[in-house]
Amino acid sequence: MTVLRIDATIQGPASASAALADIVTAELLAARPGETLVHRHLGTTPIPADAWATAVGSGFTPEADRTPEQAAAVALAAEIAGEVRAAEAAVLALPLYNWGVSQHAKAWIDLVIAGGTPGDAVLAGKPVVLITTRGGSYAPGTPKEGWDHGIDYLRRIIGEVWGADLTVIERELTLVGVNPALDAFAEPAALMRKEAEEAAAAAGRALAAR
């Protein structure tokens, strides 16, 4: 089985989303060490900001007349879409930044779409573990309830447009211990971390059982 892992964190070794993705892949590879893991880290190797617009614009230019920049953007879109299409499973670690999906993740999603056809179900029926983390909390009853503008979008794209068999793992309050304003939430934050880690381990084992 070929498993595609995508990371979009900018936090390096301090990343909560990457830590959960590590648990998923560790459980999977412990049970099935021969699996192929294809890893693309959008935080450390970002997709060029203009790649999507250039790739889309290239569709209105005959192939023979495309500039080197247009040809490169089209090739990158095809490569990224091809990675998704070739995967038999995926682990997508896409943290929430500034109440929405990061620019790194959005650029990747846009190029996957540009590299295929409209409505292309590139993950149809395939198991996908989506990991999303948030520094604060936007749960019901909190002051910022409804401020999470990321998870519904990701569910629509990955689950509905791309057709994935989706498992979602969420962890909130990751900035407890970093932002003093959140010190009062240490206990619920610890519980959320524990629950997310347990969910990640279970998701890895479930992938191995497929």
N, C-alpha and C. Protein backbone atom coordinates (compact mmCIF):
# COMPACT_ATOMS: atom_id res chain seq x y z
N MET A 1 0.84 -1.19 0.00
CA MET A 1 0.00 0.00 0.00
C MET A 1 0.88 1.25 0.00
N THR A 2 0.56 2.18 -0.86
CA THR A 2 1.26 3.46 -0.90
C THR A 2 0.47 4.48 -0.09
N VAL A 3 1.12 5.06 0.90
CA VAL A 3 0.47 6.02 1.81
C VAL A 3 1.09 7.39 1.58
N LEU A 4 0.25 8.37 1.31
CA LEU A 4 0.70 9.73 1.12
C LEU A 4 0.55 10.49 2.43
N ARG A 5 1.64 11.09 2.90
CA ARG A 5 1.57 11.94 4.08
C ARG A 5 1.86 13.38 3.68
N ILE A 6 0.96 14.25 4.08
CA ILE A 6 1.12 15.68 3.83
C ILE A 6 1.19 16.41 5.17
N ASP A 7 2.23 17.22 5.35
CA ASP A 7 2.33 18.10 6.52
C ASP A 7 2.29 19.55 6.05
N ALA A 8 1.61 20.40 6.84
CA ALA A 8 1.55 21.81 6.48
C ALA A 8 1.96 22.71 7.64
N THR A 9 2.58 22.14 8.66
CA THR A 9 2.96 22.93 9.82
C THR A 9 4.13 23.86 9.54
N ILE A 10 4.14 24.99 10.27
CA ILE A 10 5.30 25.87 10.24
C ILE A 10 6.02 25.84 11.59
N GLN A 11 5.65 24.88 12.45
CA GLN A 11 6.15 24.84 13.82
C GLN A 11 7.35 23.92 14.01
N GLY A 12 7.81 23.27 12.98
CA GLY A 12 8.97 22.39 13.11
C GLY A 12 8.75 21.30 14.14
N PRO A 13 9.74 21.00 14.99
CA PRO A 13 9.61 19.91 15.96
C PRO A 13 8.58 20.18 17.04
N ALA A 14 8.10 21.42 17.15
CA ALA A 14 7.08 21.74 18.15
C ALA A 14 5.66 21.52 17.64
N SER A 15 5.52 21.00 16.44
CA SER A 15 4.21 20.88 15.80
C SER A 15 3.34 19.82 16.45
N ALA A 16 2.13 20.23 16.82
CA ALA A 16 1.16 19.29 17.37
C ALA A 16 0.57 18.40 16.27
N SER A 17 0.33 18.96 15.09
CA SER A 17 -0.24 18.16 14.01
C SER A 17 0.74 17.11 13.52
N ALA A 18 2.01 17.48 13.40
CA ALA A 18 3.02 16.51 12.95
C ALA A 18 3.19 15.39 13.97
N ALA A 19 3.10 15.73 15.26
CA ALA A 19 3.24 14.70 16.29
C ALA A 19 2.13 13.67 16.18
N LEU A 20 0.91 14.12 15.89
CA LEU A 20 -0.20 13.18 15.71
C LEU A 20 -0.02 12.35 14.44
N ALA A 21 0.44 12.99 13.37
CA ALA A 21 0.69 12.25 12.13
C ALA A 21 1.79 11.21 12.34
N ASP A 22 2.79 11.55 13.16
CA ASP A 22 3.84 10.59 13.48
C ASP A 22 3.27 9.34 14.15
N ILE A 23 2.31 9.55 15.04
CA ILE A 23 1.68 8.41 15.73
C ILE A 23 0.94 7.53 14.74
N VAL A 24 0.18 8.16 13.85
CA VAL A 24 -0.57 7.39 12.85
C VAL A 24 0.37 6.54 12.01
N THR A 25 1.40 7.18 11.45
CA THR A 25 2.30 6.44 10.56
C THR A 25 3.14 5.41 11.31
N ALA A 26 3.50 5.70 12.56
CA ALA A 26 4.26 4.73 13.34
C ALA A 26 3.45 3.47 13.60
N GLU A 27 2.18 3.64 13.95
CA GLU A 27 1.31 2.47 14.16
C GLU A 27 1.14 1.67 12.88
N LEU A 28 0.95 2.38 11.78
CA LEU A 28 0.78 1.70 10.49
C LEU A 28 2.02 0.91 10.11
N LEU A 29 3.19 1.55 10.21
CA LEU A 29 4.42 0.90 9.77
C LEU A 29 4.89 -0.17 10.74
N ALA A 30 4.49 -0.07 12.00
CA ALA A 30 4.82 -1.13 12.95
C ALA A 30 4.10 -2.42 12.58
N ALA A 31 2.88 -2.29 12.10
CA ALA A 31 2.10 -3.46 11.71
C ALA A 31 2.42 -3.92 10.30
N ARG A 32 2.77 -2.95 9.43
CA ARG A 32 3.02 -3.27 8.03
C ARG A 32 4.28 -2.53 7.57
N PRO A 33 5.45 -3.00 7.99
CA PRO A 33 6.70 -2.27 7.73
C PRO A 33 7.07 -2.15 6.26
N GLY A 34 6.47 -2.93 5.42
CA GLY A 34 6.84 -2.89 4.00
C GLY A 34 6.08 -1.86 3.19
N GLU A 35 5.21 -1.09 3.84
CA GLU A 35 4.41 -0.12 3.09
C GLU A 35 5.28 1.06 2.59
N THR A 36 4.85 1.65 1.50
CA THR A 36 5.56 2.79 0.92
C THR A 36 4.94 4.07 1.43
N LEU A 37 5.78 4.93 2.02
CA LEU A 37 5.31 6.21 2.54
C LEU A 37 5.88 7.33 1.67
N VAL A 38 5.00 8.07 1.03
CA VAL A 38 5.38 9.24 0.22
C VAL A 38 5.07 10.48 1.05
N HIS A 39 6.09 11.29 1.31
CA HIS A 39 5.94 12.41 2.24
C HIS A 39 6.20 13.73 1.52
N ARG A 40 5.26 14.64 1.64
CA ARG A 40 5.44 16.00 1.12
C ARG A 40 5.19 16.97 2.27
N HIS A 41 6.18 17.77 2.60
CA HIS A 41 6.08 18.73 3.70
C HIS A 41 5.92 20.13 3.11
N LEU A 42 4.71 20.65 3.20
CA LEU A 42 4.39 21.93 2.60
C LEU A 42 4.92 23.11 3.41
N GLY A 43 5.24 22.85 4.68
CA GLY A 43 5.78 23.92 5.51
C GLY A 43 7.25 24.18 5.25
N THR A 44 8.02 23.11 5.09
CA THR A 44 9.45 23.26 4.85
C THR A 44 9.78 23.44 3.38
N THR A 45 8.94 22.90 2.50
CA THR A 45 9.13 23.09 1.05
C THR A 45 7.81 23.58 0.47
N PRO A 46 7.53 24.88 0.64
CA PRO A 46 6.24 25.41 0.20
C PRO A 46 6.06 25.37 -1.30
N ILE A 47 4.83 25.24 -1.71
CA ILE A 47 4.48 25.38 -3.12
C ILE A 47 4.55 26.87 -3.48
N PRO A 48 5.15 27.23 -4.59
CA PRO A 48 5.21 28.64 -4.97
C PRO A 48 3.82 29.28 -4.99
N ALA A 49 3.74 30.49 -4.45
CA ALA A 49 2.45 31.15 -4.29
C ALA A 49 1.73 31.38 -5.61
N ASP A 50 2.48 31.52 -6.69
CA ASP A 50 1.86 31.82 -7.99
C ASP A 50 1.63 30.57 -8.84
N ALA A 51 1.93 29.40 -8.29
CA ALA A 51 1.88 28.18 -9.11
C ALA A 51 0.46 27.88 -9.57
N TRP A 52 -0.51 28.04 -8.67
CA TRP A 52 -1.88 27.70 -9.05
C TRP A 52 -2.41 28.61 -10.14
N ALA A 53 -2.24 29.93 -9.94
CA ALA A 53 -2.73 30.88 -10.95
C ALA A 53 -2.05 30.65 -12.30
N THR A 54 -0.77 30.36 -12.25
CA THR A 54 -0.03 30.14 -13.50
C THR A 54 -0.50 28.86 -14.18
N ALA A 55 -0.72 27.80 -13.40
CA ALA A 55 -1.19 26.54 -13.97
C ALA A 55 -2.57 26.69 -14.59
N VAL A 56 -3.46 27.38 -13.88
CA VAL A 56 -4.81 27.58 -14.40
C VAL A 56 -4.77 28.44 -15.66
N GLY A 57 -4.00 29.52 -15.63
CA GLY A 57 -3.89 30.38 -16.80
C GLY A 57 -3.31 29.68 -18.01
N SER A 58 -2.46 28.70 -17.74
CA SER A 58 -1.84 27.96 -18.84
C SER A 58 -2.85 27.17 -19.65
N GLY A 59 -4.00 26.87 -19.03
CA GLY A 59 -5.03 26.13 -19.75
C GLY A 59 -5.61 26.88 -20.92
N PHE A 60 -5.39 28.18 -20.94
CA PHE A 60 -5.89 29.01 -22.05
C PHE A 60 -4.79 29.31 -23.07
N THR A 61 -3.64 28.67 -22.89
CA THR A 61 -2.51 28.88 -23.78
C THR A 61 -2.14 27.56 -24.45
N PRO A 62 -2.03 27.50 -25.77
CA PRO A 62 -1.60 26.26 -26.42
C PRO A 62 -0.28 25.78 -25.83
N GLU A 63 -0.15 24.48 -25.68
CA GLU A 63 1.03 23.92 -25.02
C GLU A 63 2.33 24.40 -25.66
N ALA A 64 2.36 24.49 -26.95
CA ALA A 64 3.59 24.90 -27.66
C ALA A 64 3.94 26.36 -27.38
N ASP A 65 2.96 27.15 -26.94
CA ASP A 65 3.19 28.58 -26.73
C ASP A 65 3.42 28.93 -25.26
N ARG A 66 3.41 27.95 -24.39
CA ARG A 66 3.54 28.24 -22.97
C ARG A 66 4.95 28.67 -22.62
N THR A 67 5.05 29.60 -21.68
CA THR A 67 6.34 30.04 -21.18
C THR A 67 6.94 28.95 -20.30
N PRO A 68 8.24 29.01 -20.02
CA PRO A 68 8.83 28.02 -19.10
C PRO A 68 8.13 28.02 -17.74
N GLU A 69 7.70 29.19 -17.27
CA GLU A 69 7.00 29.27 -15.99
C GLU A 69 5.65 28.56 -16.05
N GLN A 70 4.95 28.73 -17.16
CA GLN A 70 3.67 28.04 -17.32
C GLN A 70 3.87 26.53 -17.40
N ALA A 71 4.86 26.10 -18.15
CA ALA A 71 5.13 24.67 -18.28
C ALA A 71 5.49 24.06 -16.93
N ALA A 72 6.28 24.79 -16.14
CA ALA A 72 6.68 24.29 -14.82
C ALA A 72 5.48 24.19 -13.89
N ALA A 73 4.59 25.16 -13.94
CA ALA A 73 3.40 25.14 -13.08
C ALA A 73 2.47 24.01 -13.45
N VAL A 74 2.28 23.78 -14.73
CA VAL A 74 1.43 22.67 -15.18
C VAL A 74 2.04 21.34 -14.76
N ALA A 75 3.35 21.21 -14.89
CA ALA A 75 4.03 19.97 -14.49
C ALA A 75 3.91 19.75 -12.98
N LEU A 76 4.02 20.82 -12.20
CA LEU A 76 3.90 20.69 -10.74
C LEU A 76 2.48 20.28 -10.36
N ALA A 77 1.48 20.86 -10.99
CA ALA A 77 0.10 20.48 -10.71
C ALA A 77 -0.14 19.01 -11.05
N ALA A 78 0.40 18.56 -12.18
CA ALA A 78 0.25 17.16 -12.57
C ALA A 78 0.96 16.23 -11.58
N GLU A 79 2.14 16.66 -11.11
CA GLU A 79 2.90 15.85 -10.15
C GLU A 79 2.14 15.71 -8.83
N ILE A 80 1.64 16.83 -8.32
CA ILE A 80 0.94 16.81 -7.04
C ILE A 80 -0.37 16.05 -7.13
N ALA A 81 -1.13 16.28 -8.18
CA ALA A 81 -2.36 15.53 -8.38
C ALA A 81 -2.08 14.05 -8.56
N GLY A 82 -0.98 13.74 -9.25
CA GLY A 82 -0.60 12.35 -9.46
C GLY A 82 -0.25 11.64 -8.16
N GLU A 83 0.41 12.35 -7.23
CA GLU A 83 0.73 11.76 -5.93
C GLU A 83 -0.54 11.38 -5.19
N VAL A 84 -1.53 12.25 -5.24
CA VAL A 84 -2.79 11.98 -4.54
C VAL A 84 -3.52 10.83 -5.21
N ARG A 85 -3.56 10.84 -6.52
CA ARG A 85 -4.28 9.80 -7.27
C ARG A 85 -3.62 8.43 -7.09
N ALA A 86 -2.29 8.41 -6.97
CA ALA A 86 -1.56 7.14 -6.84
C ALA A 86 -1.62 6.56 -5.44
N ALA A 87 -1.92 7.39 -4.47
CA ALA A 87 -1.97 6.92 -3.08
C ALA A 87 -3.14 5.98 -2.86
N GLU A 88 -2.88 4.97 -2.03
CA GLU A 88 -3.97 4.07 -1.64
C GLU A 88 -4.54 4.44 -0.28
N ALA A 89 -3.85 5.32 0.41
CA ALA A 89 -4.31 5.87 1.69
C ALA A 89 -3.54 7.15 1.91
N ALA A 90 -4.03 8.00 2.83
CA ALA A 90 -3.35 9.27 3.07
C ALA A 90 -3.49 9.69 4.52
N VAL A 91 -2.46 10.38 4.99
CA VAL A 91 -2.46 11.02 6.31
C VAL A 91 -2.18 12.49 6.05
N LEU A 92 -3.15 13.33 6.35
CA LEU A 92 -3.06 14.75 6.04
C LEU A 92 -3.04 15.55 7.34
N ALA A 93 -1.90 16.12 7.68
CA ALA A 93 -1.74 16.90 8.90
C ALA A 93 -1.83 18.38 8.54
N LEU A 94 -3.01 18.96 8.69
CA LEU A 94 -3.29 20.30 8.20
C LEU A 94 -3.78 21.18 9.35
N PRO A 95 -2.86 21.85 10.05
CA PRO A 95 -3.26 22.67 11.19
C PRO A 95 -4.02 23.92 10.76
N LEU A 96 -4.80 24.44 11.71
CA LEU A 96 -5.53 25.68 11.50
C LEU A 96 -4.67 26.85 11.93
N TYR A 97 -4.55 27.85 11.06
CA TYR A 97 -3.83 29.08 11.40
C TYR A 97 -4.74 30.28 11.13
N ASN A 98 -4.81 31.18 12.07
CA ASN A 98 -5.59 32.41 11.88
C ASN A 98 -7.03 32.10 11.45
N TRP A 99 -7.60 31.10 12.10
CA TRP A 99 -9.01 30.71 11.93
C TRP A 99 -9.32 30.10 10.57
N GLY A 100 -8.32 29.66 9.86
CA GLY A 100 -8.57 29.05 8.56
C GLY A 100 -7.46 28.11 8.14
N VAL A 101 -7.63 27.52 6.98
CA VAL A 101 -6.63 26.63 6.41
C VAL A 101 -5.40 27.44 6.02
N SER A 102 -4.22 26.93 6.29
CA SER A 102 -3.00 27.67 6.00
C SER A 102 -2.81 27.86 4.49
N GLN A 103 -2.03 28.88 4.14
CA GLN A 103 -1.75 29.12 2.73
C GLN A 103 -1.05 27.93 2.09
N HIS A 104 -0.23 27.20 2.87
CA HIS A 104 0.48 26.05 2.33
C HIS A 104 -0.51 24.96 1.92
N ALA A 105 -1.47 24.68 2.81
CA ALA A 105 -2.45 23.65 2.51
C ALA A 105 -3.36 24.07 1.36
N LYS A 106 -3.76 25.32 1.36
CA LYS A 106 -4.66 25.81 0.30
C LYS A 106 -3.97 25.75 -1.05
N ALA A 107 -2.69 26.11 -1.12
CA ALA A 107 -1.96 26.03 -2.39
C ALA A 107 -1.89 24.59 -2.88
N TRP A 108 -1.68 23.67 -1.96
CA TRP A 108 -1.62 22.25 -2.33
C TRP A 108 -2.97 21.76 -2.85
N ILE A 109 -4.03 22.10 -2.14
CA ILE A 109 -5.38 21.70 -2.56
C ILE A 109 -5.70 22.26 -3.93
N ASP A 110 -5.39 23.52 -4.15
CA ASP A 110 -5.68 24.14 -5.44
C ASP A 110 -4.92 23.47 -6.58
N LEU A 111 -3.68 23.07 -6.33
CA LEU A 111 -2.91 22.42 -7.39
C LEU A 111 -3.38 20.99 -7.65
N VAL A 112 -3.84 20.30 -6.60
CA VAL A 112 -4.43 18.98 -6.82
C VAL A 112 -5.62 19.11 -7.77
N ILE A 113 -6.44 20.12 -7.53
CA ILE A 113 -7.61 20.34 -8.38
C ILE A 113 -7.19 20.77 -9.79
N ALA A 114 -6.20 21.66 -9.87
CA ALA A 114 -5.73 22.12 -11.18
C ALA A 114 -5.11 21.00 -12.00
N GLY A 115 -4.51 20.03 -11.32
CA GLY A 115 -3.86 18.93 -12.02
C GLY A 115 -4.79 17.83 -12.48
N GLY A 116 -6.08 17.97 -12.15
CA GLY A 116 -7.06 16.97 -12.58
C GLY A 116 -8.14 17.61 -13.41
N THR A 117 -9.35 17.13 -13.26
CA THR A 117 -10.50 17.70 -13.94
C THR A 117 -11.49 18.15 -12.88
N PRO A 118 -12.37 19.11 -13.19
CA PRO A 118 -13.31 19.60 -12.19
C PRO A 118 -14.14 18.46 -11.57
N GLY A 119 -14.18 18.43 -10.24
CA GLY A 119 -14.94 17.40 -9.55
C GLY A 119 -14.25 16.05 -9.52
N ASP A 120 -12.97 16.00 -9.86
CA ASP A 120 -12.22 14.74 -9.91
C ASP A 120 -12.12 14.12 -8.52
N ALA A 121 -12.70 12.94 -8.33
CA ALA A 121 -12.67 12.25 -7.03
C ALA A 121 -11.35 11.49 -6.90
N VAL A 122 -10.27 12.22 -6.65
CA VAL A 122 -8.93 11.63 -6.68
C VAL A 122 -8.67 10.66 -5.52
N LEU A 123 -9.53 10.70 -4.49
CA LEU A 123 -9.35 9.80 -3.34
C LEU A 123 -10.58 8.91 -3.15
N ALA A 124 -11.29 8.65 -4.21
CA ALA A 124 -12.56 7.92 -4.11
C ALA A 124 -12.42 6.60 -3.36
N GLY A 125 -13.11 6.50 -2.22
CA GLY A 125 -13.14 5.27 -1.45
C GLY A 125 -11.88 4.95 -0.68
N LYS A 126 -10.88 5.81 -0.73
CA LYS A 126 -9.60 5.52 -0.08
C LYS A 126 -9.61 6.03 1.37
N PRO A 127 -8.99 5.30 2.29
CA PRO A 127 -8.96 5.75 3.68
C PRO A 127 -8.02 6.94 3.84
N VAL A 128 -8.53 7.99 4.45
CA VAL A 128 -7.74 9.20 4.68
C VAL A 128 -7.93 9.63 6.12
N VAL A 129 -6.80 9.86 6.80
CA VAL A 129 -6.83 10.40 8.15
C VAL A 129 -6.49 11.88 8.06
N LEU A 130 -7.44 12.73 8.41
CA LEU A 130 -7.23 14.17 8.42
C LEU A 130 -6.98 14.61 9.86
N ILE A 131 -5.83 15.22 10.08
CA ILE A 131 -5.47 15.73 11.40
C ILE A 131 -5.50 17.24 11.34
N THR A 132 -6.25 17.86 12.25
CA THR A 132 -6.27 19.31 12.30
C THR A 132 -6.14 19.76 13.75
N THR A 133 -5.30 20.75 13.98
CA THR A 133 -5.03 21.25 15.32
C THR A 133 -5.29 22.75 15.39
N ARG A 134 -5.63 23.21 16.60
CA ARG A 134 -5.96 24.62 16.78
C ARG A 134 -5.36 25.11 18.09
N GLY A 135 -4.78 26.29 18.08
CA GLY A 135 -4.13 26.81 19.26
C GLY A 135 -5.09 27.13 20.38
N GLY A 136 -6.26 27.65 20.04
CA GLY A 136 -7.29 27.97 21.02
C GLY A 136 -8.41 26.96 20.97
N SER A 137 -9.57 27.36 21.45
CA SER A 137 -10.74 26.48 21.39
C SER A 137 -11.91 27.24 20.79
N TYR A 138 -12.61 26.56 19.90
CA TYR A 138 -13.78 27.14 19.25
C TYR A 138 -15.00 26.25 19.48
N ALA A 139 -14.96 25.51 20.58
CA ALA A 139 -16.02 24.56 20.91
C ALA A 139 -17.30 25.30 21.31
N PRO A 140 -18.45 24.60 21.26
CA PRO A 140 -19.70 25.22 21.69
C PRO A 140 -19.59 25.78 23.11
N GLY A 141 -20.07 27.01 23.28
CA GLY A 141 -20.03 27.65 24.58
C GLY A 141 -18.81 28.48 24.85
N THR A 142 -17.79 28.39 24.00
CA THR A 142 -16.59 29.20 24.18
C THR A 142 -16.79 30.57 23.53
N PRO A 143 -16.00 31.57 23.95
CA PRO A 143 -16.17 32.92 23.37
C PRO A 143 -15.99 32.96 21.86
N LYS A 144 -15.19 32.05 21.31
CA LYS A 144 -14.95 32.08 19.87
C LYS A 144 -15.61 30.90 19.15
N GLU A 145 -16.72 30.46 19.70
CA GLU A 145 -17.49 29.42 19.00
C GLU A 145 -17.82 29.90 17.58
N GLY A 146 -17.57 29.02 16.61
CA GLY A 146 -17.86 29.36 15.22
C GLY A 146 -16.73 30.03 14.48
N TRP A 147 -15.60 30.26 15.17
CA TRP A 147 -14.47 30.92 14.51
C TRP A 147 -13.62 29.94 13.69
N ASP A 148 -13.85 28.67 13.83
CA ASP A 148 -13.09 27.68 13.04
C ASP A 148 -13.67 27.65 11.63
N HIS A 149 -12.92 28.20 10.69
CA HIS A 149 -13.37 28.23 9.30
C HIS A 149 -12.60 27.22 8.44
N GLY A 150 -11.95 26.26 9.10
CA GLY A 150 -11.12 25.31 8.38
C GLY A 150 -11.70 23.93 8.21
N ILE A 151 -12.23 23.35 9.30
CA ILE A 151 -12.56 21.93 9.27
C ILE A 151 -13.71 21.62 8.31
N ASP A 152 -14.73 22.47 8.26
CA ASP A 152 -15.83 22.20 7.33
C ASP A 152 -15.36 22.25 5.88
N TYR A 153 -14.49 23.22 5.59
CA TYR A 153 -13.93 23.31 4.24
C TYR A 153 -13.16 22.05 3.89
N LEU A 154 -12.31 21.59 4.81
CA LEU A 154 -11.51 20.39 4.55
C LEU A 154 -12.40 19.16 4.37
N ARG A 155 -13.43 19.06 5.18
CA ARG A 155 -14.37 17.93 5.03
C ARG A 155 -15.03 17.96 3.65
N ARG A 156 -15.44 19.15 3.21
CA ARG A 156 -16.09 19.25 1.90
C ARG A 156 -15.16 18.82 0.78
N ILE A 157 -13.92 19.33 0.81
CA ILE A 157 -12.98 19.04 -0.27
C ILE A 157 -12.55 17.58 -0.24
N ILE A 158 -12.03 17.13 0.91
CA ILE A 158 -11.41 15.81 0.98
C ILE A 158 -12.45 14.71 0.99
N GLY A 159 -13.52 14.91 1.75
CA GLY A 159 -14.53 13.86 1.86
C GLY A 159 -15.54 13.85 0.74
N GLU A 160 -16.02 15.03 0.35
CA GLU A 160 -17.11 15.08 -0.63
C GLU A 160 -16.61 15.25 -2.06
N VAL A 161 -15.73 16.22 -2.29
CA VAL A 161 -15.24 16.44 -3.66
C VAL A 161 -14.29 15.32 -4.07
N TRP A 162 -13.34 14.99 -3.19
CA TRP A 162 -12.35 13.97 -3.53
C TRP A 162 -12.81 12.56 -3.20
N GLY A 163 -13.89 12.42 -2.44
CA GLY A 163 -14.50 11.11 -2.23
C GLY A 163 -13.81 10.21 -1.23
N ALA A 164 -13.00 10.76 -0.33
CA ALA A 164 -12.25 9.93 0.62
C ALA A 164 -13.14 9.30 1.67
N ASP A 165 -12.71 8.16 2.17
CA ASP A 165 -13.30 7.54 3.36
C ASP A 165 -12.59 8.19 4.55
N LEU A 166 -13.20 9.21 5.11
CA LEU A 166 -12.50 10.17 5.95
C LEU A 166 -12.63 9.88 7.45
N THR A 167 -11.47 9.91 8.12
CA THR A 167 -11.40 9.91 9.58
C THR A 167 -10.77 11.23 10.00
N VAL A 168 -11.43 11.95 10.90
CA VAL A 168 -10.94 13.26 11.32
C VAL A 168 -10.49 13.21 12.77
N ILE A 169 -9.29 13.69 13.02
CA ILE A 169 -8.75 13.80 14.38
C ILE A 169 -8.49 15.28 14.64
N GLU A 170 -9.10 15.79 15.71
CA GLU A 170 -8.96 17.20 16.04
C GLU A 170 -8.34 17.36 17.43
N ARG A 171 -7.49 18.35 17.56
CA ARG A 171 -6.95 18.70 18.87
C ARG A 171 -6.95 20.21 19.02
N GLU A 172 -7.55 20.68 20.11
CA GLU A 172 -7.60 22.11 20.40
C GLU A 172 -6.66 22.46 21.55
N LEU A 173 -6.54 23.76 21.82
CA LEU A 173 -5.77 24.29 22.95
C LEU A 173 -4.29 23.89 22.90
N THR A 174 -3.73 23.83 21.71
CA THR A 174 -2.32 23.45 21.60
C THR A 174 -1.38 24.56 22.07
N LEU A 175 -1.91 25.77 22.26
CA LEU A 175 -1.07 26.87 22.74
C LEU A 175 -1.04 26.98 24.26
N VAL A 176 -1.72 26.06 24.94
CA VAL A 176 -1.59 26.01 26.40
C VAL A 176 -0.15 25.64 26.74
N GLY A 177 0.45 26.44 27.63
CA GLY A 177 1.86 26.25 27.94
C GLY A 177 2.75 27.15 27.12
N VAL A 178 2.18 27.76 26.09
CA VAL A 178 2.91 28.70 25.24
C VAL A 178 2.38 30.12 25.47
N ASN A 179 1.05 30.24 25.43
CA ASN A 179 0.38 31.52 25.64
C ASN A 179 -0.12 31.59 27.08
N PRO A 180 0.45 32.47 27.93
CA PRO A 180 0.03 32.54 29.33
C PRO A 180 -1.46 32.80 29.53
N ALA A 181 -2.11 33.40 28.55
CA ALA A 181 -3.54 33.68 28.66
C ALA A 181 -4.37 32.40 28.72
N LEU A 182 -3.76 31.28 28.33
CA LEU A 182 -4.48 30.01 28.30
C LEU A 182 -4.08 29.08 29.45
N ASP A 183 -3.30 29.58 30.40
CA ASP A 183 -2.81 28.73 31.49
C ASP A 183 -3.94 28.06 32.28
N ALA A 184 -5.08 28.72 32.37
CA ALA A 184 -6.19 28.16 33.15
C ALA A 184 -6.78 26.91 32.51
N PHE A 185 -6.41 26.65 31.27
CA PHE A 185 -7.01 25.52 30.55
C PHE A 185 -6.06 24.32 30.45
N ALA A 186 -5.09 24.27 31.35
CA ALA A 186 -4.09 23.19 31.28
C ALA A 186 -4.73 21.81 31.40
N GLU A 187 -5.70 21.67 32.27
CA GLU A 187 -6.30 20.34 32.47
C GLU A 187 -7.10 19.88 31.25
N PRO A 188 -8.03 20.69 30.72
CA PRO A 188 -8.73 20.23 29.51
C PRO A 188 -7.79 20.06 28.32
N ALA A 189 -6.75 20.87 28.24
CA ALA A 189 -5.80 20.74 27.14
C ALA A 189 -5.07 19.41 27.20
N ALA A 190 -4.68 19.00 28.41
CA ALA A 190 -4.01 17.71 28.57
C ALA A 190 -4.93 16.56 28.18
N LEU A 191 -6.21 16.68 28.54
CA LEU A 191 -7.17 15.63 28.18
C LEU A 191 -7.36 15.59 26.66
N MET A 192 -7.46 16.75 26.03
CA MET A 192 -7.60 16.79 24.57
C MET A 192 -6.39 16.17 23.88
N ARG A 193 -5.22 16.44 24.40
CA ARG A 193 -4.01 15.86 23.81
C ARG A 193 -4.04 14.34 23.93
N LYS A 194 -4.39 13.85 25.11
CA LYS A 194 -4.45 12.40 25.33
C LYS A 194 -5.46 11.75 24.39
N GLU A 195 -6.64 12.35 24.29
CA GLU A 195 -7.67 11.79 23.42
C GLU A 195 -7.25 11.80 21.96
N ALA A 196 -6.60 12.88 21.53
CA ALA A 196 -6.14 12.96 20.14
C ALA A 196 -5.06 11.93 19.86
N GLU A 197 -4.15 11.74 20.79
CA GLU A 197 -3.09 10.74 20.61
C GLU A 197 -3.67 9.33 20.55
N GLU A 198 -4.66 9.06 21.37
CA GLU A 198 -5.31 7.75 21.33
C GLU A 198 -6.05 7.55 20.01
N ALA A 199 -6.71 8.62 19.54
CA ALA A 199 -7.39 8.53 18.26
C ALA A 199 -6.41 8.32 17.12
N ALA A 200 -5.25 8.96 17.18
CA ALA A 200 -4.23 8.80 16.14
C ALA A 200 -3.70 7.37 16.11
N ALA A 201 -3.46 6.81 17.28
CA ALA A 201 -2.98 5.43 17.35
C ALA A 201 -4.02 4.47 16.78
N ALA A 202 -5.29 4.69 17.13
CA ALA A 202 -6.35 3.85 16.60
C ALA A 202 -6.48 3.98 15.08
N ALA A 203 -6.32 5.21 14.58
CA ALA A 203 -6.41 5.42 13.13
C ALA A 203 -5.28 4.73 12.41
N GLY A 204 -4.08 4.73 12.99
CA GLY A 204 -2.95 4.02 12.38
C GLY A 204 -3.19 2.53 12.32
N ARG A 205 -3.73 2.00 13.40
CA ARG A 205 -4.03 0.55 13.41
C ARG A 205 -5.13 0.21 12.41
N ALA A 206 -6.11 1.12 12.28
CA ALA A 206 -7.19 0.88 11.33
C ALA A 206 -6.65 0.90 9.89
N LEU A 207 -5.74 1.80 9.60
CA LEU A 207 -5.12 1.81 8.27
C LEU A 207 -4.38 0.50 8.00
N ALA A 208 -3.68 0.02 9.01
CA ALA A 208 -2.92 -1.22 8.84
C ALA A 208 -3.84 -2.41 8.60
N ALA A 209 -5.05 -2.32 9.09
CA ALA A 209 -5.99 -3.44 8.96
C ALA A 209 -6.73 -3.42 7.63
N ARG A 210 -6.58 -2.37 6.86
CA ARG A 210 -7.31 -2.27 5.59
C ARG A 210 -6.79 -3.31 4.60
